[in-house]
Amino acid sequence: MKVEFSAFPRAFSGNLAVFVAADKQLSASAQAVDKTVDGAVARGIGASRFSGAKGQSLTLLGQSGGVVRLTLLGVGKARELDARAAEALGGILAADANAAGQKAVAVAVDAVKGSRLTPGQIAARIALGAQLRNYRFDKYKTKDKPEQKHSLEQITIFVAGPAEARRVHERLAPTIDAVFFARDLVSEPANVLYPAEFARRARDLGKLGVKVEILGEAEMKKLGMNTLLGVGQGSERESQLLVMRWMNGPKNQKPVALIGKGVCFDTGGISLKPAGGMEDMKWDMGGAGAVTGAMRLLAGRKARVNVVGVCALVENMPDGNAQRPGDVVKSMSGQTVEVINTDAEGRLILCDAMWYAQEKYKPQAMVELSTLTGAIIVALGHERAGLFSNNTALSNKLRAAGAGIGEKLWRMPLGPKYDKLIDSDIADMKNVGSGRDGGSITAAQFLQRFVQDGVAWAHIDIAGVAWSSKGDSTTPKGATAYGVRLLDAWIAETYER
């Protein structure tokens, strides 16, 4: 979709969107249009429930004076119009344009007195939101009718001082590339995107300056990564460890480690999942997708920071050689694990990936993302990801970063009594707790046993937010790329100031 920033024209025409603030307060552009149509805008508002509240929209058709279709965008109270709200306006506009079959739409961005954003910043964020919402994964569609496809091809944003809007939007452009890259990874079917193919696509980050290394099964075996290898031993596809390095910070700065779960397809293994809904398990690599997308974003904007991304890539399949319930495996750390349930595989691959990152790169902080447990969906639904951490400062910074870009986190508890639930009679630990209670917590307790002393660590369970069945203002139905912007914002605010 093409984006153009322009100064205000002498007269508006075509498909136009304008602002309306809380309590039906028309913006300057809305007032101008209202005058050309003899008060029809005010009358249209009066005949509806539209009040200008944040996130509302109203479309008025058949206008005269050059404007054919007028969309009113509710900006709410001035203090509510932050970056996230401005992006949502763009998303609403894009969804509305596609629903109406519009190829081009314009929006008039007037100054909103009381907002912390300049008109140029608002304009850039509207463009970003529209572009994010306009994403569609349709590469395998061959028979879509024209009305089923996205129609929006261009958005023109009228704003005083368009040069500022262009500068801000240019800085935001890497976000679009990274989010789309992650969404594409998560959306691909498992027969197309298996561990080696995921790794191959990640190699493209080398064009941006990311150093990419791929470890195969033989190399992982030498390192003692038996918990990771055990998960993939039932698959014909070879497991991979993807290592990405973006070292553009001070030479004496310890890196930040980002760890991603990359189960490219999860049948549950011998502990086979029910057939219903198993097709969704193509996105059980959402954590790895987010980490890879975040590395792309950091490189795309030339972040002044040292970051290492490590993704464990496997398939969990039933086979004569598959791992069995009751097996005992030794992790890279030397700790042993009794595998009670082969469908609790994510923590088995992550513990080796985490240990590898700590041993080789000595990170100052380590954040891991994974679609780890259905239990977190029971606890938090699809509104927030679960956050577990051994460090309150790290936890608070992640939560603040997430709140700023609309990727919400809720901190969950950890503790000795939860930890005791994963003690094993024959090994150092078992991979699930006793019974179903606190399933997301015992999974986090398992991972915490692989965090070395002095490392600030956070585990983010994104099982409820990696995929959307409905979509929202800036995310269509499907892969969300949750975590890409969260990680980038956290790194920018913590390590680049």
Protein backbone atom coordinates (compact mmCIF):
# COMPACT_ATOMS: atom_id res chain seq x y z
CA MET A 1 0.00 0.00 0.00
CA LYS A 2 1.33 3.40 -1.02
CA VAL A 3 1.40 6.15 1.61
CA GLU A 4 1.60 9.84 0.72
CA PHE A 5 1.85 12.81 3.07
CA SER A 6 0.63 16.12 1.69
CA ALA A 7 -0.26 19.65 2.73
CA PHE A 8 -3.95 20.47 3.00
CA PRO A 9 -5.63 21.01 -0.39
CA ARG A 10 -7.82 24.00 -1.20
CA ALA A 11 -10.84 21.74 -1.20
CA PHE A 12 -11.49 18.16 -0.17
CA SER A 13 -12.80 15.55 -2.59
CA GLY A 14 -13.27 11.81 -3.03
CA ASN A 15 -13.13 9.46 -0.04
CA LEU A 16 -12.16 11.42 3.06
CA ALA A 17 -11.78 10.77 6.78
CA VAL A 18 -11.83 13.53 9.40
CA PHE A 19 -11.49 13.73 13.18
CA VAL A 20 -14.29 14.18 15.67
CA ALA A 21 -13.35 14.56 19.33
CA ALA A 22 -15.34 13.53 22.39
CA ASP A 23 -18.79 15.06 22.81
CA LYS A 24 -19.18 15.42 19.04
CA GLN A 25 -16.56 18.16 18.67
CA LEU A 26 -15.77 18.52 14.98
CA SER A 27 -12.17 19.11 13.94
CA ALA A 28 -11.36 22.07 11.69
CA SER A 29 -11.49 19.86 8.60
CA ALA A 30 -14.75 18.27 9.69
CA GLN A 31 -16.23 21.74 10.16
CA ALA A 32 -15.05 22.78 6.71
CA VAL A 33 -16.71 19.78 5.11
CA ASP A 34 -19.86 20.35 7.16
CA LYS A 35 -20.16 23.86 5.74
CA THR A 36 -19.90 22.60 2.15
CA VAL A 37 -22.75 20.15 2.72
CA ASP A 38 -24.98 22.59 4.58
CA GLY A 39 -24.69 20.93 8.01
CA ALA A 40 -25.21 17.34 6.82
CA VAL A 41 -22.27 16.10 8.90
CA ALA A 42 -23.74 17.45 12.15
CA ARG A 43 -27.15 16.07 11.20
CA GLY A 44 -25.65 12.66 10.46
CA ILE A 45 -23.99 12.58 13.86
CA GLY A 46 -27.23 13.66 15.49
CA ALA A 47 -29.06 10.77 13.89
CA SER A 48 -26.62 8.16 15.23
CA ARG A 49 -24.96 7.03 18.44
CA PHE A 50 -21.62 8.37 17.26
CA SER A 51 -20.18 10.74 19.86
CA GLY A 52 -16.51 11.01 18.82
CA ALA A 53 -15.40 8.61 21.54
CA LYS A 54 -12.05 6.91 21.12
CA GLY A 55 -12.24 4.14 18.51
CA GLN A 56 -15.67 5.03 17.14
CA SER A 57 -16.28 5.59 13.44
CA LEU A 58 -19.23 6.65 11.30
CA THR A 59 -19.52 6.72 7.51
CA LEU A 60 -21.71 9.23 5.70
CA LEU A 61 -22.47 8.62 2.04
CA GLY A 62 -23.67 10.73 -0.86
CA GLN A 63 -22.09 14.00 0.25
CA SER A 64 -21.92 16.94 -2.09
CA GLY A 65 -19.16 19.50 -2.50
CA GLY A 66 -16.63 16.97 -3.83
CA VAL A 67 -16.55 14.55 -0.90
CA VAL A 68 -18.32 11.37 -1.97
CA ARG A 69 -17.77 9.27 1.13
CA LEU A 70 -16.97 10.78 4.51
CA THR A 71 -15.65 8.73 7.42
CA LEU A 72 -15.72 10.28 10.88
CA LEU A 73 -12.97 8.98 13.17
CA GLY A 74 -13.52 9.32 16.90
CA VAL A 75 -10.37 10.48 18.65
CA GLY A 76 -11.93 10.74 22.09
CA LYS A 77 -10.42 13.08 24.66
CA ALA A 78 -7.19 14.79 23.67
CA ARG A 79 -5.11 13.05 26.32
CA GLU A 80 -6.24 9.68 24.92
CA LEU A 81 -4.70 10.32 21.52
CA ASP A 82 -1.33 8.65 21.99
CA ALA A 83 0.74 6.67 19.48
CA ARG A 84 -1.26 3.49 19.98
CA ALA A 85 -4.59 5.30 19.55
CA ALA A 86 -3.37 7.01 16.38
CA GLU A 87 -2.30 3.66 14.93
CA ALA A 88 -5.74 2.28 15.77
CA LEU A 89 -7.33 5.11 13.78
CA GLY A 90 -5.28 4.07 10.77
CA GLY A 91 -6.31 0.47 11.25
CA ILE A 92 -9.98 1.40 11.46
CA LEU A 93 -9.64 3.47 8.30
CA ALA A 94 -7.96 0.65 6.36
CA ALA A 95 -10.53 -1.93 7.44
CA ASP A 96 -13.37 0.42 6.51
CA ALA A 97 -11.86 1.18 3.09
CA ASN A 98 -11.40 -2.50 2.27
CA ALA A 99 -14.92 -3.33 3.39
CA ALA A 100 -16.24 -0.65 1.03
CA GLY A 101 -13.99 -1.69 -1.85
CA GLN A 102 -12.11 1.61 -1.93
CA LYS A 103 -8.77 1.79 -3.71
CA ALA A 104 -7.77 5.17 -2.31
CA VAL A 105 -8.67 7.14 0.78
CA ALA A 106 -7.51 10.39 2.35
CA VAL A 107 -7.50 11.52 5.96
CA ALA A 108 -7.22 15.07 7.26
CA VAL A 109 -5.03 15.23 10.35
CA ASP A 110 -5.78 18.39 12.29
CA ALA A 111 -3.91 19.41 15.41
CA VAL A 112 -5.49 17.96 18.54
CA LYS A 113 -4.95 20.43 21.34
CA GLY A 114 -3.96 18.61 24.51
CA SER A 115 -2.44 15.58 22.79
CA ARG A 116 1.23 14.90 23.40
CA LEU A 117 1.67 14.12 19.71
CA THR A 118 2.33 16.67 17.00
CA PRO A 119 0.17 16.50 13.86
CA GLY A 120 3.14 15.00 12.00
CA GLN A 121 3.52 12.25 14.58
CA ILE A 122 -0.20 11.52 14.49
CA ALA A 123 -0.10 11.32 10.70
CA ALA A 124 2.84 8.91 10.69
CA ARG A 125 1.20 6.67 13.26
CA ILE A 126 -2.06 6.62 11.31
CA ALA A 127 -0.11 5.49 8.25
CA LEU A 128 1.63 2.76 10.26
CA GLY A 129 -1.67 1.49 11.67
CA ALA A 130 -3.28 1.40 8.24
CA GLN A 131 -0.35 -0.53 6.77
CA LEU A 132 -0.32 -3.05 9.61
CA ARG A 133 -4.06 -3.61 9.30
CA ASN A 134 -3.84 -3.99 5.51
CA TYR A 135 -1.74 -7.17 5.82
CA ARG A 136 -3.22 -10.28 4.24
CA PHE A 137 -1.65 -13.73 3.91
CA ASP A 138 -3.18 -14.90 0.65
CA LYS A 139 -0.32 -16.51 -1.28
CA TYR A 140 -2.19 -19.82 -1.51
CA LYS A 141 -5.52 -18.27 -2.58
CA THR A 142 -6.22 -18.93 -6.26
CA LYS A 143 -9.97 -18.39 -6.63
CA ASP A 144 -10.77 -15.29 -4.59
CA LYS A 145 -13.33 -13.00 -6.16
CA PRO A 146 -12.40 -9.30 -6.41
CA GLU A 147 -14.71 -8.41 -3.54
CA GLN A 148 -12.89 -10.90 -1.31
CA LYS A 149 -9.50 -9.25 -1.83
CA HIS A 150 -8.14 -6.14 -0.19
CA SER A 151 -8.91 -3.15 -2.36
CA LEU A 152 -6.97 -0.40 -0.58
CA GLU A 153 -3.91 0.63 -2.56
CA GLN A 154 -3.21 4.18 -1.44
CA ILE A 155 -3.73 6.40 1.59
CA THR A 156 -3.10 10.14 1.41
CA ILE A 157 -2.64 11.97 4.67
CA PHE A 158 -3.19 15.72 4.72
CA VAL A 159 -1.24 17.40 7.49
CA ALA A 160 0.39 20.76 8.20
CA GLY A 161 4.12 20.14 7.88
CA PRO A 162 4.12 16.88 5.90
CA ALA A 163 7.93 16.73 6.00
CA GLU A 164 7.86 15.86 9.70
CA ALA A 165 5.32 13.11 9.04
CA ARG A 166 7.55 11.67 6.33
CA ARG A 167 10.57 11.65 8.65
CA VAL A 168 8.69 9.92 11.45
CA HIS A 169 7.12 7.41 9.11
CA GLU A 170 10.50 6.60 7.58
CA ARG A 171 11.77 5.72 11.05
CA LEU A 172 8.75 3.46 11.55
CA ALA A 173 9.09 1.67 8.21
CA PRO A 174 11.32 -1.16 9.57
CA THR A 175 8.48 -2.05 11.93
CA ILE A 176 6.23 -2.90 9.01
CA ASP A 177 8.83 -5.13 7.36
CA ALA A 178 9.59 -6.95 10.62
CA VAL A 179 5.97 -7.50 11.64
CA PHE A 180 5.03 -8.76 8.18
CA PHE A 181 8.07 -11.05 8.15
CA ALA A 182 7.03 -12.57 11.48
CA ARG A 183 3.38 -12.87 10.43
CA ASP A 184 4.42 -14.66 7.26
CA LEU A 185 6.51 -17.15 9.22
CA VAL A 186 3.69 -17.97 11.61
CA SER A 187 1.08 -18.15 8.85
CA GLU A 188 2.93 -20.66 6.68
CA PRO A 189 1.68 -24.26 6.76
CA ALA A 190 3.96 -26.83 8.33
CA ASN A 191 4.59 -28.69 5.08
CA VAL A 192 6.18 -25.49 3.77
CA LEU A 193 7.83 -24.09 6.91
CA TYR A 194 9.73 -26.82 8.76
CA PRO A 195 12.88 -26.26 10.86
CA ALA A 196 15.41 -26.12 8.01
CA GLU A 197 13.17 -23.82 5.94
CA PHE A 198 12.63 -21.50 8.92
CA ALA A 199 16.40 -21.32 9.34
CA ARG A 200 16.88 -20.70 5.63
CA ARG A 201 14.51 -17.73 5.70
CA ALA A 202 16.25 -16.35 8.76
CA ARG A 203 19.49 -16.30 6.80
CA ASP A 204 18.03 -13.39 4.83
CA LEU A 205 18.68 -11.25 7.90
CA GLY A 206 22.32 -11.38 6.91
CA LYS A 207 21.51 -8.78 4.25
CA LEU A 208 20.75 -6.36 7.10
CA GLY A 209 23.96 -7.13 8.95
CA VAL A 210 22.73 -9.86 11.31
CA LYS A 211 25.24 -12.67 11.78
CA VAL A 212 23.31 -15.93 11.36
CA GLU A 213 24.54 -19.35 12.42
CA ILE A 214 22.65 -22.65 12.13
CA LEU A 215 23.49 -25.64 14.31
CA GLY A 216 22.36 -29.05 13.07
CA GLU A 217 21.66 -32.18 15.08
CA ALA A 218 25.25 -33.43 15.04
CA GLU A 219 26.52 -30.16 16.49
CA MET A 220 23.78 -30.06 19.11
CA LYS A 221 24.56 -33.65 20.08
CA LYS A 222 28.17 -32.71 20.78
CA LEU A 223 26.93 -29.89 23.01
CA GLY A 224 24.73 -32.28 24.98
CA MET A 225 21.43 -30.71 23.94
CA ASN A 226 19.51 -33.92 24.50
CA THR A 227 16.27 -32.40 25.76
CA LEU A 228 15.94 -30.42 22.51
CA LEU A 229 16.95 -33.35 20.32
CA GLY A 230 14.61 -35.72 22.15
CA VAL A 231 11.58 -33.70 21.08
CA GLY A 232 12.50 -33.84 17.40
CA GLN A 233 13.67 -37.45 17.21
CA GLY A 234 10.28 -38.69 15.96
CA SER A 235 10.33 -36.38 12.94
CA GLU A 236 11.91 -36.92 9.55
CA ARG A 237 12.78 -33.22 9.55
CA GLU A 238 16.08 -32.38 11.22
CA SER A 239 15.98 -30.10 14.25
CA GLN A 240 17.92 -26.85 14.08
CA LEU A 241 19.26 -24.24 16.46
CA LEU A 242 19.07 -20.79 14.92
CA VAL A 243 21.51 -18.24 16.34
CA MET A 244 21.30 -14.59 15.26
CA ARG A 245 23.69 -11.86 16.44
CA TRP A 246 23.19 -8.12 16.10
CA MET A 247 26.23 -6.54 17.78
CA ASN A 248 25.94 -2.84 17.07
CA GLY A 249 26.30 -1.54 20.61
CA PRO A 250 29.32 -0.63 22.74
CA LYS A 251 32.05 -3.26 22.67
CA ASN A 252 31.98 -3.63 26.45
CA GLN A 253 28.19 -4.02 26.61
CA LYS A 254 27.01 -7.49 27.54
CA PRO A 255 24.38 -8.66 25.07
CA VAL A 256 20.71 -9.18 25.66
CA ALA A 257 19.51 -12.69 24.82
CA LEU A 258 16.16 -13.32 23.13
CA ILE A 259 15.02 -16.95 23.11
CA GLY A 260 12.20 -18.32 20.93
CA LYS A 261 10.25 -21.56 20.90
CA GLY A 262 10.08 -22.87 17.34
CA VAL A 263 7.96 -26.01 17.23
CA CYS A 264 7.11 -25.83 13.55
CA PHE A 265 4.39 -28.41 14.07
CA ASP A 266 3.23 -29.99 17.30
CA THR A 267 1.22 -33.20 17.23
CA GLY A 268 1.92 -33.76 20.91
CA GLY A 269 4.17 -36.69 20.01
CA ILE A 270 3.28 -39.99 21.66
CA SER A 271 1.04 -37.98 24.02
CA LEU A 272 -1.01 -37.23 20.92
CA LYS A 273 -3.25 -34.18 20.82
CA PRO A 274 -6.94 -34.51 19.90
CA ALA A 275 -7.58 -34.17 16.16
CA GLY A 276 -9.88 -31.18 16.51
CA GLY A 277 -7.87 -27.99 16.17
CA MET A 278 -4.54 -29.73 15.66
CA GLU A 279 -4.10 -27.78 12.42
CA ASP A 280 -3.53 -24.69 14.56
CA MET A 281 -0.29 -26.17 15.79
CA LYS A 282 1.50 -24.83 12.74
CA TRP A 283 1.86 -21.63 14.78
CA ASP A 284 3.50 -23.29 17.76
CA MET A 285 6.63 -21.56 16.49
CA GLY A 286 5.17 -18.12 17.25
CA GLY A 287 7.87 -17.37 19.81
CA ALA A 288 10.63 -18.06 17.32
CA GLY A 289 8.76 -15.99 14.74
CA ALA A 290 8.59 -13.07 17.16
CA VAL A 291 12.27 -13.29 18.09
CA THR A 292 13.33 -13.50 14.45
CA GLY A 293 11.05 -10.57 13.59
CA ALA A 294 12.49 -8.56 16.48
CA MET A 295 16.04 -9.22 15.25
CA ARG A 296 14.97 -8.01 11.81
CA LEU A 297 13.50 -4.85 13.32
CA LEU A 298 16.59 -4.09 15.41
CA ALA A 299 18.81 -4.49 12.36
CA GLY A 300 16.40 -2.56 10.14
CA ARG A 301 16.55 0.50 12.35
CA LYS A 302 20.26 0.05 13.13
CA ALA A 303 19.71 -0.24 16.87
CA ARG A 304 22.70 0.75 18.97
CA VAL A 305 22.69 -2.38 21.10
CA ASN A 306 24.11 -5.90 21.34
CA VAL A 307 21.48 -8.62 21.03
CA VAL A 308 21.60 -12.36 20.46
CA GLY A 309 18.55 -14.28 19.30
CA VAL A 310 18.43 -18.06 19.79
CA CYS A 311 15.54 -20.12 18.42
CA ALA A 312 15.07 -23.85 18.95
CA LEU A 313 13.42 -25.27 15.80
CA VAL A 314 11.86 -28.73 15.85
CA GLU A 315 8.85 -30.82 14.86
CA ASN A 316 7.12 -32.92 17.53
CA MET A 317 5.87 -36.01 15.73
CA PRO A 318 4.78 -39.57 16.72
CA ASP A 319 7.02 -42.26 15.24
CA GLY A 320 8.68 -45.53 16.12
CA ASN A 321 11.69 -43.49 17.18
CA ALA A 322 9.71 -40.81 19.02
CA GLN A 323 10.39 -39.93 22.64
CA ARG A 324 8.20 -41.88 25.07
CA PRO A 325 6.49 -40.82 28.28
CA GLY A 326 8.77 -42.01 31.08
CA ASP A 327 12.02 -41.41 29.20
CA VAL A 328 14.80 -39.63 31.07
CA VAL A 329 17.04 -37.22 29.17
CA LYS A 330 20.05 -35.15 30.19
CA SER A 331 19.99 -31.48 29.24
CA MET A 332 22.96 -29.39 28.15
CA SER A 333 23.11 -28.04 31.70
CA GLY A 334 23.70 -31.57 33.03
CA GLN A 335 20.34 -31.66 34.78
CA THR A 336 18.14 -34.65 34.04
CA VAL A 337 14.47 -34.57 33.08
CA GLU A 338 11.83 -37.27 33.33
CA VAL A 339 9.48 -36.80 30.40
CA ILE A 340 5.99 -37.42 31.75
CA ASN A 341 4.12 -35.87 28.83
CA THR A 342 5.63 -35.52 25.36
CA ASP A 343 3.15 -32.73 24.61
CA ALA A 344 4.94 -30.55 27.14
CA GLU A 345 7.75 -30.26 24.62
CA GLY A 346 8.32 -26.52 24.44
CA ARG A 347 10.08 -26.30 27.77
CA LEU A 348 12.34 -29.19 26.74
CA ILE A 349 13.69 -27.39 23.70
CA LEU A 350 13.83 -24.00 25.44
CA CYS A 351 15.91 -25.16 28.39
CA ASP A 352 18.76 -26.20 26.09
CA ALA A 353 18.45 -23.02 24.00
CA MET A 354 18.54 -20.88 27.16
CA TRP A 355 21.55 -22.70 28.54
CA TYR A 356 23.41 -22.40 25.24
CA ALA A 357 22.77 -18.63 25.12
CA GLN A 358 24.00 -18.16 28.68
CA GLU A 359 27.07 -20.35 28.32
CA LYS A 360 28.24 -18.82 25.05
CA TYR A 361 27.19 -15.17 25.28
CA LYS A 362 26.96 -14.36 29.03
CA PRO A 363 23.92 -12.09 28.61
CA GLN A 364 22.97 -9.41 31.09
CA ALA A 365 19.31 -10.23 30.57
CA MET A 366 17.41 -13.04 28.89
CA VAL A 367 13.82 -12.85 27.63
CA GLU A 368 12.10 -15.91 26.18
CA LEU A 369 8.86 -16.02 24.20
CA SER A 370 6.82 -19.16 23.59
CA THR A 371 3.36 -20.46 22.86
CA LEU A 372 3.94 -22.66 25.87
CA THR A 373 0.71 -23.59 27.62
CA GLY A 374 -3.02 -23.74 27.10
CA ALA A 375 -3.23 -22.99 30.82
CA ILE A 376 -2.23 -19.36 30.22
CA ILE A 377 -5.25 -18.98 27.93
CA VAL A 378 -7.49 -20.32 30.69
CA ALA A 379 -5.97 -17.76 33.06
CA LEU A 380 -5.74 -14.67 30.85
CA GLY A 381 -7.79 -15.35 27.73
CA HIS A 382 -6.60 -13.65 24.57
CA GLU A 383 -6.08 -10.15 26.00
CA ARG A 384 -2.68 -10.49 27.62
CA ALA A 385 0.41 -12.66 27.58
CA GLY A 386 1.62 -14.19 30.81
CA LEU A 387 4.86 -12.80 32.23
CA PHE A 388 7.07 -14.73 34.63
CA SER A 389 10.33 -13.26 35.88
CA ASN A 390 13.01 -13.47 38.54
CA ASN A 391 13.60 -9.72 38.33
CA THR A 392 11.07 -7.03 39.20
CA ALA A 393 12.88 -4.24 37.36
CA LEU A 394 12.96 -6.31 34.17
CA SER A 395 9.32 -7.25 34.62
CA ASN A 396 8.24 -3.64 35.08
CA LYS A 397 10.15 -2.47 32.01
CA LEU A 398 8.65 -5.19 29.84
CA ARG A 399 5.15 -4.36 31.06
CA ALA A 400 5.66 -0.65 30.39
CA ALA A 401 7.01 -1.33 26.90
CA GLY A 402 4.08 -3.60 26.13
CA ALA A 403 1.51 -1.10 27.37
CA GLY A 404 2.99 1.57 25.10
CA ILE A 405 2.48 -0.42 21.90
CA GLY A 406 -0.61 -2.40 22.84
CA GLU A 407 1.02 -5.76 23.60
CA LYS A 408 -0.16 -6.24 27.15
CA LEU A 409 1.48 -8.39 29.80
CA TRP A 410 0.26 -9.69 33.14
CA ARG A 411 2.82 -10.81 35.70
CA MET A 412 2.21 -14.28 37.10
CA PRO A 413 3.61 -15.80 40.31
CA LEU A 414 6.58 -18.07 40.91
CA GLY A 415 7.58 -19.73 44.16
CA PRO A 416 9.05 -22.73 46.01
CA LYS A 417 5.73 -24.54 46.46
CA TYR A 418 5.03 -24.35 42.73
CA ASP A 419 8.58 -25.48 42.02
CA LYS A 420 8.18 -28.55 44.22
CA LEU A 421 5.41 -29.77 41.91
CA ILE A 422 7.95 -30.66 39.21
CA ASP A 423 10.24 -32.73 41.41
CA SER A 424 10.76 -36.23 40.00
CA ASP A 425 11.27 -39.51 41.83
CA ILE A 426 13.95 -40.71 39.40
CA ALA A 427 15.44 -37.55 37.83
CA ASP A 428 16.22 -33.98 38.78
CA MET A 429 12.79 -32.87 37.57
CA LYS A 430 9.82 -33.89 35.47
CA ASN A 431 8.50 -31.83 32.60
CA VAL A 432 4.97 -31.33 33.95
CA GLY A 433 3.55 -30.71 37.38
CA SER A 434 1.30 -32.96 39.43
CA GLY A 435 -2.22 -32.67 38.02
CA ARG A 436 -3.56 -29.76 35.98
CA ASP A 437 -3.27 -27.05 38.62
CA GLY A 438 -1.11 -24.06 37.80
CA GLY A 439 0.05 -25.47 34.47
CA SER A 440 1.53 -22.23 33.12
CA ILE A 441 3.30 -21.63 36.45
CA THR A 442 4.91 -25.06 36.69
CA ALA A 443 6.09 -24.66 33.09
CA ALA A 444 7.77 -21.39 34.08
CA GLN A 445 9.26 -23.03 37.17
CA PHE A 446 10.79 -25.66 34.92
CA LEU A 447 12.43 -22.99 32.76
CA GLN A 448 13.67 -21.08 35.79
CA ARG A 449 15.75 -24.09 36.80
CA PHE A 450 17.88 -23.37 33.73
CA VAL A 451 18.56 -19.71 34.53
CA GLN A 452 22.09 -19.14 35.74
CA ASP A 453 22.91 -17.05 38.80
CA GLY A 454 22.90 -13.32 38.18
CA VAL A 455 20.96 -13.40 34.91
CA ALA A 456 17.80 -11.30 34.83
CA TRP A 457 15.25 -13.56 33.15
CA ALA A 458 11.70 -13.31 31.88
CA HIS A 459 9.46 -15.93 30.30
CA ILE A 460 6.52 -14.65 28.24
CA ASP A 461 3.81 -17.20 27.46
CA ILE A 462 2.16 -15.96 24.25
CA ALA A 463 -0.13 -18.94 23.64
CA GLY A 464 -3.24 -16.75 23.85
CA VAL A 465 -1.99 -13.85 21.76
CA ALA A 466 0.15 -15.26 18.95
CA TRP A 467 -2.89 -15.90 16.76
CA SER A 468 -6.15 -13.96 16.56
CA SER A 469 -9.45 -15.49 15.52
CA LYS A 470 -11.03 -12.04 15.13
CA GLY A 471 -8.28 -9.47 14.67
CA ASP A 472 -8.18 -5.97 16.12
CA SER A 473 -7.59 -2.43 14.93
CA THR A 474 -4.09 -3.01 13.53
CA THR A 475 -4.06 -6.80 13.24
CA PRO A 476 -6.24 -8.77 10.83
CA LYS A 477 -7.42 -12.28 11.66
CA GLY A 478 -4.48 -14.68 11.84
CA ALA A 479 -0.88 -14.33 12.98
CA THR A 480 -0.36 -11.27 15.17
CA ALA A 481 3.46 -11.12 15.40
CA TYR A 482 2.96 -10.40 19.10
CA GLY A 483 6.33 -9.77 20.68
CA VAL A 484 8.16 -8.18 17.76
CA ARG A 485 7.33 -4.62 18.76
CA LEU A 486 7.32 -5.44 22.47
CA LEU A 487 10.91 -6.67 22.42
CA ASP A 488 12.04 -3.78 20.25
CA ALA A 489 10.38 -1.19 22.49
CA TRP A 490 11.81 -2.77 25.64
CA ILE A 491 15.33 -2.82 24.18
CA ALA A 492 15.07 0.76 22.91
CA GLU A 493 13.81 2.11 26.22
CA THR A 494 16.19 0.09 28.40
CA TYR A 495 19.48 -0.13 26.54
CA GLU A 496 19.58 2.64 23.96
CA ARG A 497 18.80 5.74 25.99
